[in-house]
Amino acid sequence: MTAPDQLLRLDPEGAIDEISTALRSQVHEVLGRRGAVVAMSGGVDSSVSAALAVRAFGPQRVFGLFMPERDSDPTSLELATDLASRLGIETALEDITDALAALRCYERRDEAIRRVLPEYGAGWASKIVLPGARLETDRLNVYYVAARSPEGESRRVRLTAASYLEIVAATNFKQRVRKMIEYYHADRLHYAVVGTPNRLEYDQGFFVKGGDGLADVKPIAHLYKTQVYQLGRHLGVPCEILERTPTTDTYSLPQTQEEFYFSLPTATLDLVLFARDSGWAVEEAADRLDMGPDEIARAYADIDQKRSTTAYLHTHSLLVRSGSPGAA
């Protein structure tokens, strides 16, 4: 029986060749574009996507974008800038803080937080978190705001449904503003926009509709996160990026993807998602992944629940009548 750590093993060079060939066909032949624009965040997904684009088109036809804002971790820009230099691609820095302030992104978010934490104000930092060990029960997810005062005092307060939705709606401006800038550069260069979600994020709806979920091509959406790391090592992505904890880099306090959205560590969840995709029954998955049946059952339920509740994110615009443009 295949060991769990071998289930998602790739032939890296074969996978890179397949993706590069697909990208050239999709961008040149299907979309009629000359190259690719990649938003680079300093994370492994965008780094691998940028390196794959260089393999497909050469560095002269790849354009990298850095789009920090006032809540961004400065390390993200440092890592992305270093990688772009190694890849030899042209880049642009577009700080989106002023655009977000004009849209009242920060103001709207802070107003929502103050509804549950009245003292929240200037100098505070925050993030949204889920309770720990949430798969140990069958309760629905309940979100909290974790905040830190200018004096360093930490607070954690349960969010109402309305406050949670308002905070998320406000922070989603960040992904949507970035996407507008990506398409500006894509339009002026006659390039295609490269999306960077991996299979786990794409399947489980961990993206913003009209934001990071919007792209012309998504070259790693079929790859589990652990497979993205395999390609990253083969492509020479720096270890500082490969060893970095996956983060949303959206909130003013450091936030991991696991504490905000995913139920298990990424490597474990990749295997459970693979088991679910492969049609393994709970008992088979528990045996082959060396996990408890109850843990597998709850993880399966969480996967199915996320697929159901985020189905809206995958829908295209709905038409009254279907048909090709210009059809009667």
C-alpha atoms as a PDB file:
ATOM      1  CA  MET A   1       0.000   0.000   0.000  1.00  0.00           C
ATOM      2  CA  THR A   2       1.322   3.454  -0.925  1.00  0.00           C
ATOM      3  CA  ALA A   3       2.630   5.435   2.047  1.00  0.00           C
ATOM      4  CA  PRO A   4       0.681   8.665   2.749  1.00  0.00           C
ATOM      5  CA  ASP A   5       3.689  10.866   1.974  1.00  0.00           C
ATOM      6  CA  GLN A   6       3.974   9.273  -1.491  1.00  0.00           C
ATOM      7  CA  LEU A   7       0.347   9.640  -2.569  1.00  0.00           C
ATOM      8  CA  LEU A   8       0.845  13.133  -3.973  1.00  0.00           C
ATOM      9  CA  ARG A   9       4.381  12.651  -5.310  1.00  0.00           C
ATOM     10  CA  LEU A  10       4.913  14.290  -8.711  1.00  0.00           C
ATOM     11  CA  ASP A  11       7.361  13.978 -11.549  1.00  0.00           C
ATOM     12  CA  PRO A  12       8.288  17.685 -11.265  1.00  0.00           C
ATOM     13  CA  GLU A  13       9.844  18.134 -14.698  1.00  0.00           C
ATOM     14  CA  GLY A  14       6.975  16.296 -16.373  1.00  0.00           C
ATOM     15  CA  ALA A  15       4.427  18.439 -14.529  1.00  0.00           C
ATOM     16  CA  ILE A  16       6.284  21.632 -15.448  1.00  0.00           C
ATOM     17  CA  ASP A  17       6.414  20.636 -19.123  1.00  0.00           C
ATOM     18  CA  GLU A  18       2.694  19.852 -19.110  1.00  0.00           C
ATOM     19  CA  ILE A  19       1.784  23.181 -17.512  1.00  0.00           C
ATOM     20  CA  SER A  20       4.133  25.197 -19.727  1.00  0.00           C
ATOM     21  CA  THR A  21       2.708  23.602 -22.864  1.00  0.00           C
ATOM     22  CA  ALA A  22      -0.839  24.252 -21.690  1.00  0.00           C
ATOM     23  CA  LEU A  23      -0.061  27.875 -20.839  1.00  0.00           C
ATOM     24  CA  ARG A  24       1.420  28.577 -24.269  1.00  0.00           C
ATOM     25  CA  SER A  25      -1.580  27.008 -25.997  1.00  0.00           C
ATOM     26  CA  GLN A  26      -4.133  28.762 -23.790  1.00  0.00           C
ATOM     27  CA  VAL A  27      -2.542  32.205 -23.880  1.00  0.00           C
ATOM     28  CA  HIS A  28      -1.371  32.302 -27.513  1.00  0.00           C
ATOM     29  CA  GLU A  29      -3.916  30.181 -29.347  1.00  0.00           C
ATOM     30  CA  VAL A  30      -7.101  30.391 -27.269  1.00  0.00           C
ATOM     31  CA  LEU A  31      -6.828  33.890 -25.817  1.00  0.00           C
ATOM     32  CA  GLY A  32      -4.662  35.494 -28.494  1.00  0.00           C
ATOM     33  CA  ARG A  33      -2.400  37.180 -25.940  1.00  0.00           C
ATOM     34  CA  ARG A  34       1.374  37.691 -26.018  1.00  0.00           C
ATOM     35  CA  GLY A  35       2.463  36.924 -22.457  1.00  0.00           C
ATOM     36  CA  ALA A  36       1.447  36.843 -18.805  1.00  0.00           C
ATOM     37  CA  VAL A  37       0.882  39.160 -15.852  1.00  0.00           C
ATOM     38  CA  VAL A  38       1.437  37.617 -12.408  1.00  0.00           C
ATOM     39  CA  ALA A  39       0.668  39.273  -9.075  1.00  0.00           C
ATOM     40  CA  MET A  40       3.524  38.267  -6.763  1.00  0.00           C
ATOM     41  CA  SER A  41       2.804  38.151  -3.030  1.00  0.00           C
ATOM     42  CA  GLY A  42       5.913  36.462  -1.676  1.00  0.00           C
ATOM     43  CA  GLY A  43       3.956  33.242  -1.131  1.00  0.00           C
ATOM     44  CA  VAL A  44       4.650  29.872  -2.684  1.00  0.00           C
ATOM     45  CA  ASP A  45       1.630  29.810  -5.022  1.00  0.00           C
ATOM     46  CA  SER A  46       2.327  33.105  -6.782  1.00  0.00           C
ATOM     47  CA  SER A  47       6.062  32.363  -6.806  1.00  0.00           C
ATOM     48  CA  VAL A  48       5.586  29.012  -8.511  1.00  0.00           C
ATOM     49  CA  SER A  49       3.050  30.541 -10.922  1.00  0.00           C
ATOM     50  CA  ALA A  50       5.545  33.254 -11.895  1.00  0.00           C
ATOM     51  CA  ALA A  51       8.321  30.696 -12.403  1.00  0.00           C
ATOM     52  CA  LEU A  52       6.007  28.532 -14.525  1.00  0.00           C
ATOM     53  CA  ALA A  53       5.077  31.549 -16.643  1.00  0.00           C
ATOM     54  CA  VAL A  54       8.766  32.219 -17.257  1.00  0.00           C
ATOM     55  CA  ARG A  55       9.208  28.596 -18.328  1.00  0.00           C
ATOM     56  CA  ALA A  56       6.275  28.961 -20.709  1.00  0.00           C
ATOM     57  CA  PHE A  57       6.967  32.388 -22.259  1.00  0.00           C
ATOM     58  CA  GLY A  58      10.485  33.408 -21.264  1.00  0.00           C
ATOM     59  CA  PRO A  59      11.264  36.280 -18.873  1.00  0.00           C
ATOM     60  CA  GLN A  60      10.751  38.932 -21.566  1.00  0.00           C
ATOM     61  CA  ARG A  61       7.027  38.047 -21.814  1.00  0.00           C
ATOM     62  CA  VAL A  62       6.206  37.890 -18.086  1.00  0.00           C
ATOM     63  CA  PHE A  63       5.284  40.968 -16.051  1.00  0.00           C
ATOM     64  CA  GLY A  64       5.313  40.832 -12.243  1.00  0.00           C
ATOM     65  CA  LEU A  65       3.212  43.029  -9.997  1.00  0.00           C
ATOM     66  CA  PHE A  66       3.765  43.930  -6.343  1.00  0.00           C
ATOM     67  CA  MET A  67       0.655  45.423  -4.725  1.00  0.00           C
ATOM     68  CA  PRO A  68       1.164  46.037  -1.010  1.00  0.00           C
ATOM     69  CA  GLU A  69      -1.111  48.076   1.222  1.00  0.00           C
ATOM     70  CA  ARG A  70      -0.787  49.394   4.734  1.00  0.00           C
ATOM     71  CA  ASP A  71      -1.675  46.079   6.418  1.00  0.00           C
ATOM     72  CA  SER A  72       0.762  44.015   4.329  1.00  0.00           C
ATOM     73  CA  ASP A  73       3.738  42.279   5.892  1.00  0.00           C
ATOM     74  CA  PRO A  74       6.875  44.045   4.534  1.00  0.00           C
ATOM     75  CA  THR A  75       8.508  40.627   4.198  1.00  0.00           C
ATOM     76  CA  SER A  76       6.030  39.786   1.422  1.00  0.00           C
ATOM     77  CA  LEU A  77       7.353  42.583  -0.794  1.00  0.00           C
ATOM     78  CA  GLU A  78      10.968  41.728  -0.009  1.00  0.00           C
ATOM     79  CA  LEU A  79      10.532  38.072  -0.968  1.00  0.00           C
ATOM     80  CA  ALA A  80       8.541  38.841  -4.112  1.00  0.00           C
ATOM     81  CA  THR A  81      11.034  41.464  -5.266  1.00  0.00           C
ATOM     82  CA  ASP A  82      13.954  39.089  -4.763  1.00  0.00           C
ATOM     83  CA  LEU A  83      12.273  36.305  -6.729  1.00  0.00           C
ATOM     84  CA  ALA A  84      11.357  38.611  -9.608  1.00  0.00           C
ATOM     85  CA  SER A  85      14.983  39.700  -9.812  1.00  0.00           C
ATOM     86  CA  ARG A  86      16.106  36.065  -9.926  1.00  0.00           C
ATOM     87  CA  LEU A  87      13.579  35.332 -12.679  1.00  0.00           C
ATOM     88  CA  GLY A  88      14.721  38.346 -14.677  1.00  0.00           C
ATOM     89  CA  ILE A  89      11.246  39.727 -15.326  1.00  0.00           C
ATOM     90  CA  GLU A  90      10.000  43.288 -15.602  1.00  0.00           C
ATOM     91  CA  THR A  91       7.944  44.441 -12.619  1.00  0.00           C
ATOM     92  CA  ALA A  92       5.936  47.326 -11.199  1.00  0.00           C
ATOM     93  CA  LEU A  93       5.144  48.364  -7.633  1.00  0.00           C
ATOM     94  CA  GLU A  94       1.559  49.534  -7.151  1.00  0.00           C
ATOM     95  CA  ASP A  95       0.777  50.492  -3.550  1.00  0.00           C
ATOM     96  CA  ILE A  96      -3.018  50.229  -3.218  1.00  0.00           C
ATOM     97  CA  THR A  97      -3.380  51.911   0.204  1.00  0.00           C
ATOM     98  CA  ASP A  98      -4.767  55.187  -1.142  1.00  0.00           C
ATOM     99  CA  ALA A  99      -7.260  53.415  -3.387  1.00  0.00           C
ATOM    100  CA  LEU A 100      -8.507  51.323  -0.477  1.00  0.00           C
ATOM    101  CA  ALA A 101      -8.776  54.381   1.756  1.00  0.00           C
ATOM    102  CA  ALA A 102     -10.798  56.167  -0.938  1.00  0.00           C
ATOM    103  CA  LEU A 103     -13.175  53.186  -1.043  1.00  0.00           C
ATOM    104  CA  ARG A 104     -13.409  53.361   2.774  1.00  0.00           C
ATOM    105  CA  CYS A 105     -12.101  49.800   3.056  1.00  0.00           C
ATOM    106  CA  TYR A 106     -10.343  50.375   6.394  1.00  0.00           C
ATOM    107  CA  GLU A 107     -13.097  52.638   7.718  1.00  0.00           C
ATOM    108  CA  ARG A 108     -15.862  50.148   6.922  1.00  0.00           C
ATOM    109  CA  ARG A 109     -13.871  47.296   8.486  1.00  0.00           C
ATOM    110  CA  ASP A 110     -13.163  49.258  11.669  1.00  0.00           C
ATOM    111  CA  GLU A 111     -16.799  50.306  12.016  1.00  0.00           C
ATOM    112  CA  ALA A 112     -17.834  46.647  11.888  1.00  0.00           C
ATOM    113  CA  ILE A 113     -15.251  45.680  14.504  1.00  0.00           C
ATOM    114  CA  ARG A 114     -16.383  48.478  16.841  1.00  0.00           C
ATOM    115  CA  ARG A 115     -19.880  47.020  16.892  1.00  0.00           C
ATOM    116  CA  VAL A 116     -18.518  44.130  18.953  1.00  0.00           C
ATOM    117  CA  LEU A 117     -15.402  45.821  20.386  1.00  0.00           C
ATOM    118  CA  PRO A 118     -16.305  49.507  20.991  1.00  0.00           C
ATOM    119  CA  GLU A 119     -12.805  50.577  22.097  1.00  0.00           C
ATOM    120  CA  TYR A 120     -11.236  49.492  18.793  1.00  0.00           C
ATOM    121  CA  GLY A 121      -9.678  52.485  17.049  1.00  0.00           C
ATOM    122  CA  ALA A 122      -6.505  54.146  15.813  1.00  0.00           C
ATOM    123  CA  GLY A 123      -3.374  52.133  16.479  1.00  0.00           C
ATOM    124  CA  TRP A 124      -5.199  48.835  16.981  1.00  0.00           C
ATOM    125  CA  ALA A 125      -4.480  45.771  14.850  1.00  0.00           C
ATOM    126  CA  SER A 126      -6.800  42.834  14.188  1.00  0.00           C
ATOM    127  CA  LYS A 127      -7.598  39.620  12.345  1.00  0.00           C
ATOM    128  CA  ILE A 128     -10.485  37.164  12.071  1.00  0.00           C
ATOM    129  CA  VAL A 129      -9.985  33.700  13.552  1.00  0.00           C
ATOM    130  CA  LEU A 130     -11.878  30.475  14.074  1.00  0.00           C
ATOM    131  CA  PRO A 131     -11.838  28.623  17.409  1.00  0.00           C
ATOM    132  CA  GLY A 132      -9.117  26.009  17.693  1.00  0.00           C
ATOM    133  CA  ALA A 133      -9.791  22.262  17.387  1.00  0.00           C
ATOM    134  CA  ARG A 134     -13.105  22.980  15.660  1.00  0.00           C
ATOM    135  CA  LEU A 135     -13.294  19.546  14.041  1.00  0.00           C
ATOM    136  CA  GLU A 136     -13.549  17.944  17.471  1.00  0.00           C
ATOM    137  CA  THR A 137     -17.234  18.850  17.561  1.00  0.00           C
ATOM    138  CA  ASP A 138     -20.093  19.062  15.079  1.00  0.00           C
ATOM    139  CA  ARG A 139     -20.802  22.721  15.834  1.00  0.00           C
ATOM    140  CA  LEU A 140     -20.933  25.252  13.060  1.00  0.00           C
ATOM    141  CA  ASN A 141     -17.949  27.550  12.606  1.00  0.00           C
ATOM    142  CA  VAL A 142     -18.068  30.640  14.814  1.00  0.00           C
ATOM    143  CA  TYR A 143     -15.741  33.521  14.018  1.00  0.00           C
ATOM    144  CA  TYR A 144     -13.953  35.831  16.439  1.00  0.00           C
ATOM    145  CA  VAL A 145     -12.040  39.059  16.020  1.00  0.00           C
ATOM    146  CA  ALA A 146      -8.614  38.923  17.641  1.00  0.00           C
ATOM    147  CA  ALA A 147      -7.369  42.450  18.318  1.00  0.00           C
ATOM    148  CA  ARG A 148      -4.339  44.118  19.884  1.00  0.00           C
ATOM    149  CA  SER A 149      -4.377  47.610  21.380  1.00  0.00           C
ATOM    150  CA  PRO A 150      -1.584  50.160  20.881  1.00  0.00           C
ATOM    151  CA  GLU A 151      -0.436  49.276  24.416  1.00  0.00           C
ATOM    152  CA  GLY A 152      -0.127  45.603  23.478  1.00  0.00           C
ATOM    153  CA  GLU A 153      -3.261  44.332  25.206  1.00  0.00           C
ATOM    154  CA  SER A 154      -4.867  41.392  23.361  1.00  0.00           C
ATOM    155  CA  ARG A 155      -8.624  40.994  23.058  1.00  0.00           C
ATOM    156  CA  ARG A 156     -10.742  38.267  21.465  1.00  0.00           C
ATOM    157  CA  VAL A 157     -14.448  38.827  20.902  1.00  0.00           C
ATOM    158  CA  ARG A 158     -17.056  36.710  19.162  1.00  0.00           C
ATOM    159  CA  LEU A 159     -18.401  38.293  15.990  1.00  0.00           C
ATOM    160  CA  THR A 160     -22.047  38.575  15.118  1.00  0.00           C
ATOM    161  CA  ALA A 161     -22.965  37.237  11.689  1.00  0.00           C
ATOM    162  CA  ALA A 162     -23.561  40.790  10.430  1.00  0.00           C
ATOM    163  CA  SER A 163     -20.209  42.070  11.712  1.00  0.00           C
ATOM    164  CA  TYR A 164     -18.347  39.104  10.246  1.00  0.00           C
ATOM    165  CA  LEU A 165     -19.916  39.583   6.810  1.00  0.00           C
ATOM    166  CA  GLU A 166     -19.221  43.322   6.873  1.00  0.00           C
ATOM    167  CA  ILE A 167     -15.556  42.816   7.788  1.00  0.00           C
ATOM    168  CA  VAL A 168     -15.107  40.248   5.024  1.00  0.00           C
ATOM    169  CA  ALA A 169     -16.924  42.459   2.511  1.00  0.00           C
ATOM    170  CA  ALA A 170     -14.653  45.390   3.381  1.00  0.00           C
ATOM    171  CA  THR A 171     -11.417  43.403   3.213  1.00  0.00           C
ATOM    172  CA  ASN A 172     -12.471  41.887  -0.118  1.00  0.00           C
ATOM    173  CA  PHE A 173     -11.813  45.330  -1.610  1.00  0.00           C
ATOM    174  CA  LYS A 174      -8.122  44.426  -1.365  1.00  0.00           C
ATOM    175  CA  GLN A 175      -8.302  41.465  -3.727  1.00  0.00           C
ATOM    176  CA  ARG A 176     -10.656  43.268  -6.101  1.00  0.00           C
ATOM    177  CA  VAL A 177      -8.537  46.416  -6.369  1.00  0.00           C
ATOM    178  CA  ARG A 178      -5.480  44.278  -7.052  1.00  0.00           C
ATOM    179  CA  LYS A 179      -7.322  42.486  -9.822  1.00  0.00           C
ATOM    180  CA  MET A 180      -8.243  45.779 -11.496  1.00  0.00           C
ATOM    181  CA  ILE A 181      -4.574  46.721 -11.575  1.00  0.00           C
ATOM    182  CA  GLU A 182      -3.603  43.320 -12.964  1.00  0.00           C
ATOM    183  CA  TYR A 183      -6.036  43.766 -15.837  1.00  0.00           C
ATOM    184  CA  TYR A 184      -4.839  47.319 -16.468  1.00  0.00           C
ATOM    185  CA  HIS A 185      -1.330  46.037 -17.095  1.00  0.00           C
ATOM    186  CA  ALA A 186      -2.615  43.003 -18.982  1.00  0.00           C
ATOM    187  CA  ASP A 187      -4.626  45.246 -21.286  1.00  0.00           C
ATOM    188  CA  ARG A 188      -1.781  47.671 -22.006  1.00  0.00           C
ATOM    189  CA  LEU A 189       0.666  44.819 -22.688  1.00  0.00           C
ATOM    190  CA  HIS A 190      -1.848  42.559 -24.462  1.00  0.00           C
ATOM    191  CA  TYR A 191      -1.051  39.874 -21.886  1.00  0.00           C
ATOM    192  CA  ALA A 192      -3.210  37.370 -19.992  1.00  0.00           C
ATOM    193  CA  VAL A 193      -3.741  37.458 -16.233  1.00  0.00           C
ATOM    194  CA  VAL A 194      -2.432  34.423 -14.361  1.00  0.00           C
ATOM    195  CA  GLY A 195      -4.450  33.236 -11.371  1.00  0.00           C
ATOM    196  CA  THR A 196      -2.559  31.592  -8.512  1.00  0.00           C
ATOM    197  CA  PRO A 197      -4.991  29.401  -6.499  1.00  0.00           C
ATOM    198  CA  ASN A 198      -3.913  25.832  -5.818  1.00  0.00           C
ATOM    199  CA  ARG A 199      -6.343  22.921  -5.836  1.00  0.00           C
ATOM    200  CA  LEU A 200      -7.126  23.149  -2.125  1.00  0.00           C
ATOM    201  CA  GLU A 201      -8.014  26.841  -2.355  1.00  0.00           C
ATOM    202  CA  TYR A 202      -9.903  26.449  -5.627  1.00  0.00           C
ATOM    203  CA  ASP A 203     -11.905  23.406  -4.489  1.00  0.00           C
ATOM    204  CA  GLN A 204     -12.731  24.806  -1.066  1.00  0.00           C
ATOM    205  CA  GLY A 205     -13.655  28.308  -2.208  1.00  0.00           C
ATOM    206  CA  PHE A 206     -10.783  30.126  -0.537  1.00  0.00           C
ATOM    207  CA  PHE A 207     -10.807  33.104  -2.893  1.00  0.00           C
ATOM    208  CA  VAL A 208     -12.727  36.298  -3.572  1.00  0.00           C
ATOM    209  CA  LYS A 209     -15.166  36.380  -6.461  1.00  0.00           C
ATOM    210  CA  GLY A 210     -14.094  39.166  -8.816  1.00  0.00           C
ATOM    211  CA  GLY A 211     -10.806  39.305  -6.894  1.00  0.00           C
ATOM    212  CA  ASP A 212      -8.144  36.623  -6.659  1.00  0.00           C
ATOM    213  CA  GLY A 213     -10.700  34.180  -8.068  1.00  0.00           C
ATOM    214  CA  LEU A 214     -10.695  36.072 -11.383  1.00  0.00           C
ATOM    215  CA  ALA A 215      -8.069  35.232 -14.007  1.00  0.00           C
ATOM    216  CA  ASP A 216      -7.579  34.213 -17.622  1.00  0.00           C
ATOM    217  CA  VAL A 217      -5.558  31.089 -16.797  1.00  0.00           C
ATOM    218  CA  LYS A 218      -5.045  29.154 -13.543  1.00  0.00           C
ATOM    219  CA  PRO A 219      -1.992  26.934 -14.045  1.00  0.00           C
ATOM    220  CA  ILE A 220      -1.801  25.344 -10.578  1.00  0.00           C
ATOM    221  CA  ALA A 221      -5.510  24.928  -9.752  1.00  0.00           C
ATOM    222  CA  HIS A 222      -5.191  21.171 -10.348  1.00  0.00           C
ATOM    223  CA  LEU A 223      -2.240  20.813  -7.953  1.00  0.00           C
ATOM    224  CA  TYR A 224      -2.523  20.095  -4.255  1.00  0.00           C
ATOM    225  CA  LYS A 225      -0.579  22.525  -2.070  1.00  0.00           C
ATOM    226  CA  THR A 226       2.074  19.920  -1.291  1.00  0.00           C
ATOM    227  CA  GLN A 227       2.560  19.414  -5.034  1.00  0.00           C
ATOM    228  CA  VAL A 228       3.035  23.163  -5.488  1.00  0.00           C
ATOM    229  CA  TYR A 229       5.868  22.949  -2.975  1.00  0.00           C
ATOM    230  CA  GLN A 230       7.407  20.096  -4.967  1.00  0.00           C
ATOM    231  CA  LEU A 231       7.398  22.242  -8.116  1.00  0.00           C
ATOM    232  CA  GLY A 232       8.738  25.191  -6.140  1.00  0.00           C
ATOM    233  CA  ARG A 233      11.772  23.217  -5.019  1.00  0.00           C
ATOM    234  CA  HIS A 234      12.386  21.951  -8.565  1.00  0.00           C
ATOM    235  CA  LEU A 235      12.020  25.452 -10.038  1.00  0.00           C
ATOM    236  CA  GLY A 236      14.483  26.948  -7.578  1.00  0.00           C
ATOM    237  CA  VAL A 237      12.060  29.060  -5.569  1.00  0.00           C
ATOM    238  CA  PRO A 238      14.076  30.385  -2.589  1.00  0.00           C
ATOM    239  CA  CYS A 239      13.806  28.446   0.662  1.00  0.00           C
ATOM    240  CA  GLU A 240      12.672  31.614   2.466  1.00  0.00           C
ATOM    241  CA  ILE A 241       9.446  31.384   0.443  1.00  0.00           C
ATOM    242  CA  LEU A 242       9.126  27.604   0.627  1.00  0.00           C
ATOM    243  CA  GLU A 243       9.539  27.622   4.408  1.00  0.00           C
ATOM    244  CA  ARG A 244       7.189  30.543   5.019  1.00  0.00           C
ATOM    245  CA  THR A 245       3.909  29.772   6.802  1.00  0.00           C
ATOM    246  CA  PRO A 246       1.005  30.242   4.335  1.00  0.00           C
ATOM    247  CA  THR A 247      -0.778  33.467   5.229  1.00  0.00           C
ATOM    248  CA  THR A 248      -3.665  35.533   3.931  1.00  0.00           C
ATOM    249  CA  ASP A 249      -1.583  38.733   4.392  1.00  0.00           C
ATOM    250  CA  THR A 250      -4.888  40.579   4.472  1.00  0.00           C
ATOM    251  CA  TYR A 251      -5.287  41.640   8.088  1.00  0.00           C
ATOM    252  CA  SER A 252      -3.127  43.911  10.249  1.00  0.00           C
ATOM    253  CA  LEU A 253      -2.248  41.056  12.613  1.00  0.00           C
ATOM    254  CA  PRO A 254      -0.376  38.042  11.189  1.00  0.00           C
ATOM    255  CA  GLN A 255      -2.894  35.383  10.195  1.00  0.00           C
ATOM    256  CA  THR A 256      -2.393  31.841   8.923  1.00  0.00           C
ATOM    257  CA  GLN A 257      -4.760  30.226   6.436  1.00  0.00           C
ATOM    258  CA  GLU A 258      -5.487  27.459   8.921  1.00  0.00           C
ATOM    259  CA  GLU A 259      -6.699  29.724  11.729  1.00  0.00           C
ATOM    260  CA  PHE A 260      -8.913  31.677   9.323  1.00  0.00           C
ATOM    261  CA  TYR A 261     -10.347  29.049   7.007  1.00  0.00           C
ATOM    262  CA  PHE A 262      -8.933  25.536   6.808  1.00  0.00           C
ATOM    263  CA  SER A 263      -9.743  22.853   9.355  1.00  0.00           C
ATOM    264  CA  LEU A 264      -6.423  20.980   9.353  1.00  0.00           C
ATOM    265  CA  PRO A 265      -2.757  21.631   8.516  1.00  0.00           C
ATOM    266  CA  THR A 266      -2.332  21.955   4.760  1.00  0.00           C
ATOM    267  CA  ALA A 267      -0.331  18.754   4.259  1.00  0.00           C
ATOM    268  CA  THR A 268      -2.949  16.719   6.133  1.00  0.00           C
ATOM    269  CA  LEU A 269      -5.891  18.382   4.432  1.00  0.00           C
ATOM    270  CA  ASP A 270      -4.333  17.759   1.016  1.00  0.00           C
ATOM    271  CA  LEU A 271      -4.332  14.032   1.754  1.00  0.00           C
ATOM    272  CA  VAL A 272      -7.896  14.054   3.070  1.00  0.00           C
ATOM    273  CA  LEU A 273      -9.057  15.991   0.001  1.00  0.00           C
ATOM    274  CA  PHE A 274      -7.224  13.492  -2.197  1.00  0.00           C
ATOM    275  CA  ALA A 275      -9.010  10.649  -0.391  1.00  0.00           C
ATOM    276  CA  ARG A 276     -12.369  12.393  -0.844  1.00  0.00           C
ATOM    277  CA  ASP A 277     -11.628  13.030  -4.535  1.00  0.00           C
ATOM    278  CA  SER A 278     -10.623   9.364  -4.929  1.00  0.00           C
ATOM    279  CA  GLY A 279     -13.906   8.125  -3.468  1.00  0.00           C
ATOM    280  CA  TRP A 280     -12.361   6.426  -0.452  1.00  0.00           C
ATOM    281  CA  ALA A 281     -14.818   5.487   2.259  1.00  0.00           C
ATOM    282  CA  VAL A 282     -14.143   6.821   5.746  1.00  0.00           C
ATOM    283  CA  GLU A 283     -12.723   3.516   6.981  1.00  0.00           C
ATOM    284  CA  GLU A 284     -10.408   3.140   3.966  1.00  0.00           C
ATOM    285  CA  ALA A 285      -9.148   6.725   4.290  1.00  0.00           C
ATOM    286  CA  ALA A 286      -8.554   6.287   8.011  1.00  0.00           C
ATOM    287  CA  ASP A 287      -6.548   3.137   7.396  1.00  0.00           C
ATOM    288  CA  ARG A 288      -4.490   4.455   4.474  1.00  0.00           C
ATOM    289  CA  LEU A 289      -3.831   7.888   5.995  1.00  0.00           C
ATOM    290  CA  ASP A 290      -3.237   6.605   9.540  1.00  0.00           C
ATOM    291  CA  MET A 291      -5.951   8.830  11.004  1.00  0.00           C
ATOM    292  CA  GLY A 292      -8.968   8.174  13.199  1.00  0.00           C
ATOM    293  CA  PRO A 293     -12.299   7.400  11.493  1.00  0.00           C
ATOM    294  CA  ASP A 294     -14.049  10.175  13.420  1.00  0.00           C
ATOM    295  CA  GLU A 295     -11.416  12.687  12.326  1.00  0.00           C
ATOM    296  CA  ILE A 296     -11.788  11.615   8.692  1.00  0.00           C
ATOM    297  CA  ALA A 297     -15.586  11.785   8.888  1.00  0.00           C
ATOM    298  CA  ARG A 298     -15.518  15.315  10.284  1.00  0.00           C
ATOM    299  CA  ALA A 299     -12.913  16.421   7.742  1.00  0.00           C
ATOM    300  CA  TYR A 300     -15.030  14.969   4.912  1.00  0.00           C
ATOM    301  CA  ALA A 301     -18.054  16.823   6.268  1.00  0.00           C
ATOM    302  CA  ASP A 302     -16.073  20.065   6.414  1.00  0.00           C
ATOM    303  CA  ILE A 303     -14.888  19.604   2.809  1.00  0.00           C
ATOM    304  CA  ASP A 304     -18.434  18.934   1.617  1.00  0.00           C
ATOM    305  CA  GLN A 305     -19.829  21.854   3.582  1.00  0.00           C
ATOM    306  CA  LYS A 306     -17.282  24.282   2.108  1.00  0.00           C
ATOM    307  CA  ARG A 307     -18.001  22.986  -1.396  1.00  0.00           C
ATOM    308  CA  SER A 308     -21.693  23.593  -0.848  1.00  0.00           C
ATOM    309  CA  THR A 309     -21.498  27.027   0.760  1.00  0.00           C
ATOM    310  CA  THR A 310     -18.924  28.384  -1.724  1.00  0.00           C
ATOM    311  CA  ALA A 311     -20.577  27.027  -4.880  1.00  0.00           C
ATOM    312  CA  TYR A 312     -21.683  30.615  -5.609  1.00  0.00           C
ATOM    313  CA  LEU A 313     -18.030  31.633  -6.024  1.00  0.00           C
ATOM    314  CA  HIS A 314     -17.628  29.191  -8.912  1.00  0.00           C
ATOM    315  CA  THR A 315     -20.746  30.288 -10.816  1.00  0.00           C
ATOM    316  CA  HIS A 316     -20.483  32.318 -14.009  1.00  0.00           C
ATOM    317  CA  SER A 317     -22.847  35.145 -14.857  1.00  0.00           C
ATOM    318  CA  LEU A 318     -26.309  33.715 -15.428  1.00  0.00           C
ATOM    319  CA  LEU A 319     -28.052  34.453 -18.725  1.00  0.00           C
ATOM    320  CA  VAL A 320     -31.711  34.408 -19.614  1.00  0.00           C
ATOM    321  CA  ARG A 321     -30.804  32.733 -22.892  1.00  0.00           C
ATOM    322  CA  SER A 322     -27.661  30.804 -23.665  1.00  0.00           C
ATOM    323  CA  GLY A 323     -25.829  30.971 -26.969  1.00  0.00           C
ATOM    324  CA  SER A 324     -22.806  32.462 -28.639  1.00  0.00           C
ATOM    325  CA  PRO A 325     -22.360  36.272 -28.771  1.00  0.00           C
ATOM    326  CA  GLY A 326     -24.360  37.761 -31.586  1.00  0.00           C
ATOM    327  CA  ALA A 327     -26.696  34.800 -31.917  1.00  0.00           C
ATOM    328  CA  ALA A 328     -30.329  35.611 -32.483  1.00  0.00           C
END
